[in-house]
């Protein structure tokens, strides 16, 4: 999934949009819960 040449683009998005990062994490958790 890390096909970007940048070292950590996620950090930039986290610093710029902390809410988006939190929502992404919540979405991933929901998907895992649904999978379980």
PDB file of N, CA and C in Angstrom:
ATOM      1  N   UNK A   1       0.829  -1.205   0.000  1.00  0.00           N
ATOM      2  CA  UNK A   1       0.000   0.000   0.000  1.00  0.00           C
ATOM      3  C   UNK A   1       0.869   1.263   0.000  1.00  0.00           C
ATOM      4  N   UNK A   2       2.128   1.135   0.424  1.00  0.00           N
ATOM      5  CA  UNK A   2       3.033   2.289   0.444  1.00  0.00           C
ATOM      6  C   UNK A   2       3.802   2.371  -0.871  1.00  0.00           C
ATOM      7  N   UNK A   3       3.120   2.768  -1.934  1.00  0.00           N
ATOM      8  CA  UNK A   3       3.777   2.863  -3.239  1.00  0.00           C
ATOM      9  C   UNK A   3       4.264   4.283  -3.494  1.00  0.00           C
ATOM     10  N   UNK A   4       4.032   5.189  -2.532  1.00  0.00           N
ATOM     11  CA  UNK A   4       4.465   6.583  -2.713  1.00  0.00           C
ATOM     12  C   UNK A   4       5.938   6.724  -2.360  1.00  0.00           C
ATOM     13  N   UNK A   5       6.677   7.511  -3.141  1.00  0.00           N
ATOM     14  CA  UNK A   5       8.116   7.712  -2.886  1.00  0.00           C
ATOM     15  C   UNK A   5       8.350   8.536  -1.624  1.00  0.00           C
ATOM     16  N   UNK A   6       7.304   9.252  -1.171  1.00  0.00           N
ATOM     17  CA  UNK A   6       7.454  10.084   0.029  1.00  0.00           C
ATOM     18  C   UNK A   6       7.649   9.204   1.258  1.00  0.00           C
ATOM     19  N   UNK A   7       8.355   9.704   2.277  1.00  0.00           N
ATOM     20  CA  UNK A   7       8.646   8.928   3.488  1.00  0.00           C
ATOM     21  C   UNK A   7       7.386   8.628   4.288  1.00  0.00           C
ATOM     22  N   UNK A   8       6.571   9.657   4.543  1.00  0.00           N
ATOM     23  CA  UNK A   8       5.357   9.430   5.332  1.00  0.00           C
ATOM     24  C   UNK A   8       4.295  10.463   4.966  1.00  0.00           C
ATOM     25  N   UNK A   9       3.573  10.252   3.866  1.00  0.00           N
ATOM     26  CA  UNK A   9       2.514  11.190   3.457  1.00  0.00           C
ATOM     27  C   UNK A   9       1.363  11.191   4.449  1.00  0.00           C
ATOM     28  N   UNK A  10       1.206  10.083   5.175  1.00  0.00           N
ATOM     29  CA  UNK A  10       0.124   9.996   6.162  1.00  0.00           C
ATOM     30  C   UNK A  10       0.302  11.057   7.244  1.00  0.00           C
ATOM     31  N   UNK A  11       1.572  11.320   7.601  1.00  0.00           N
ATOM     32  CA  UNK A  11       1.814  12.325   8.648  1.00  0.00           C
ATOM     33  C   UNK A  11       1.353  13.695   8.178  1.00  0.00           C
ATOM     34  N   UNK A  12       1.590  13.997   6.904  1.00  0.00           N
ATOM     35  CA  UNK A  12       1.168  15.300   6.382  1.00  0.00           C
ATOM     36  C   UNK A  12      -0.357  15.426   6.463  1.00  0.00           C
ATOM     37  N   UNK A  13      -1.056  14.386   6.054  1.00  0.00           N
ATOM     38  CA  UNK A  13      -2.516  14.430   6.096  1.00  0.00           C
ATOM     39  C   UNK A  13      -2.994  14.495   7.541  1.00  0.00           C
ATOM     40  N   UNK A  14      -2.287  13.829   8.431  1.00  0.00           N
ATOM     41  CA  UNK A  14      -2.681  13.831   9.847  1.00  0.00           C
ATOM     42  C   UNK A  14      -2.511  15.225  10.437  1.00  0.00           C
ATOM     43  N   UNK A  15      -1.411  15.881  10.071  1.00  0.00           N
ATOM     44  CA  UNK A  15      -1.161  17.221  10.617  1.00  0.00           C
ATOM     45  C   UNK A  15      -2.112  18.231   9.975  1.00  0.00           C
ATOM     46  N   UNK A  16      -2.436  18.006   8.707  1.00  0.00           N
ATOM     47  CA  UNK A  16      -3.328  18.946   8.017  1.00  0.00           C
ATOM     48  C   UNK A  16      -4.787  18.638   8.311  1.00  0.00           C
ATOM     49  N   UNK A  17      -5.116  17.352   8.354  1.00  0.00           N
ATOM     50  CA  UNK A  17      -6.516  16.982   8.611  1.00  0.00           C
ATOM     51  C   UNK A  17      -6.583  15.870   9.653  1.00  0.00           C
ATOM     52  N   UNK A  18      -6.478  16.236  10.931  1.00  0.00           N
ATOM     53  CA  UNK A  18      -6.514  15.229  12.009  1.00  0.00           C
ATOM     54  C   UNK A  18      -7.858  14.505  12.037  1.00  0.00           C
ATOM     55  N   UNK A  19      -8.928  15.231  11.728  1.00  0.00           N
ATOM     56  CA  UNK A  19     -10.262  14.603  11.754  1.00  0.00           C
ATOM     57  C   UNK A  19     -10.369  13.544  10.667  1.00  0.00           C
ATOM     58  N   UNK A  20      -9.791  13.826   9.509  1.00  0.00           N
ATOM     59  CA  UNK A  20      -9.843  12.857   8.410  1.00  0.00           C
ATOM     60  C   UNK A  20      -9.112  11.580   8.808  1.00  0.00           C
ATOM     61  N   UNK A  21      -7.960  11.746   9.468  1.00  0.00           N
ATOM     62  CA  UNK A  21      -7.184  10.578   9.895  1.00  0.00           C
ATOM     63  C   UNK A  21      -8.008   9.768  10.890  1.00  0.00           C
ATOM     64  N   UNK A  22      -8.641  10.462  11.826  1.00  0.00           N
ATOM     65  CA  UNK A  22      -9.448   9.755  12.831  1.00  0.00           C
ATOM     66  C   UNK A  22     -10.596   9.024  12.146  1.00  0.00           C
ATOM     67  N   UNK A  23     -11.226   9.687  11.195  1.00  0.00           N
ATOM     68  CA  UNK A  23     -12.340   9.043  10.478  1.00  0.00           C
ATOM     69  C   UNK A  23     -11.848   7.824   9.711  1.00  0.00           C
ATOM     70  N   UNK A  24     -10.673   7.938   9.106  1.00  0.00           N
ATOM     71  CA  UNK A  24     -10.110   6.813   8.354  1.00  0.00           C
ATOM     72  C   UNK A  24      -9.881   5.636   9.297  1.00  0.00           C
ATOM     73  N   UNK A  25      -9.314   5.928  10.473  1.00  0.00           N
ATOM     74  CA  UNK A  25      -9.056   4.859  11.444  1.00  0.00           C
ATOM     75  C   UNK A  25     -10.377   4.235  11.877  1.00  0.00           C
ATOM     76  N   UNK A  26     -11.384   5.060  12.120  1.00  0.00           N
ATOM     77  CA  UNK A  26     -12.689   4.537  12.540  1.00  0.00           C
ATOM     78  C   UNK A  26     -13.268   3.659  11.437  1.00  0.00           C
ATOM     79  N   UNK A  27     -13.130   4.101  10.192  1.00  0.00           N
ATOM     80  CA  UNK A  27     -13.639   3.306   9.066  1.00  0.00           C
ATOM     81  C   UNK A  27     -12.941   1.950   9.016  1.00  0.00           C
ATOM     82  N   UNK A  28     -11.624   1.951   9.198  1.00  0.00           N
ATOM     83  CA  UNK A  28     -10.870   0.694   9.171  1.00  0.00           C
ATOM     84  C   UNK A  28     -11.347  -0.215  10.299  1.00  0.00           C
ATOM     85  N   UNK A  29     -11.547   0.367  11.474  1.00  0.00           N
ATOM     86  CA  UNK A  29     -12.007  -0.430  12.624  1.00  0.00           C
ATOM     87  C   UNK A  29     -13.375  -1.017  12.316  1.00  0.00           C
ATOM     88  N   UNK A  30     -14.267  -0.200  11.749  1.00  0.00           N
ATOM     89  CA  UNK A  30     -15.602  -0.691  11.407  1.00  0.00           C
ATOM     90  C   UNK A  30     -15.499  -1.860  10.431  1.00  0.00           C
ATOM     91  N   UNK A  31     -14.637  -1.728   9.424  1.00  0.00           N
ATOM     92  CA  UNK A  31     -14.471  -2.801   8.442  1.00  0.00           C
ATOM     93  C   UNK A  31     -13.980  -4.068   9.132  1.00  0.00           C
ATOM     94  N   UNK A  32     -13.020  -3.905  10.059  1.00  0.00           N
ATOM     95  CA  UNK A  32     -12.493  -5.081  10.764  1.00  0.00           C
ATOM     96  C   UNK A  32     -13.596  -5.717  11.603  1.00  0.00           C
ATOM     97  N   UNK A  33     -14.383  -4.881  12.285  1.00  0.00           N
ATOM     98  CA  UNK A  33     -15.473  -5.402  13.119  1.00  0.00           C
ATOM     99  C   UNK A  33     -16.473  -6.160  12.251  1.00  0.00           C
ATOM    100  N   UNK A  34     -16.805  -5.579  11.095  1.00  0.00           N
ATOM    101  CA  UNK A  34     -17.751  -6.239  10.186  1.00  0.00           C
ATOM    102  C   UNK A  34     -17.159  -7.560   9.698  1.00  0.00           C
ATOM    103  N   UNK A  35     -15.846  -7.550   9.416  1.00  0.00           N
ATOM    104  CA  UNK A  35     -15.186  -8.773   8.949  1.00  0.00           C
ATOM    105  C   UNK A  35     -15.255  -9.843  10.041  1.00  0.00           C
ATOM    106  N   UNK A  36     -15.072  -9.406  11.282  1.00  0.00           N
ATOM    107  CA  UNK A  36     -15.119 -10.372  12.380  1.00  0.00           C
ATOM    108  C   UNK A  36     -16.557 -10.840  12.557  1.00  0.00           C
TER     109      UNK A  36
END
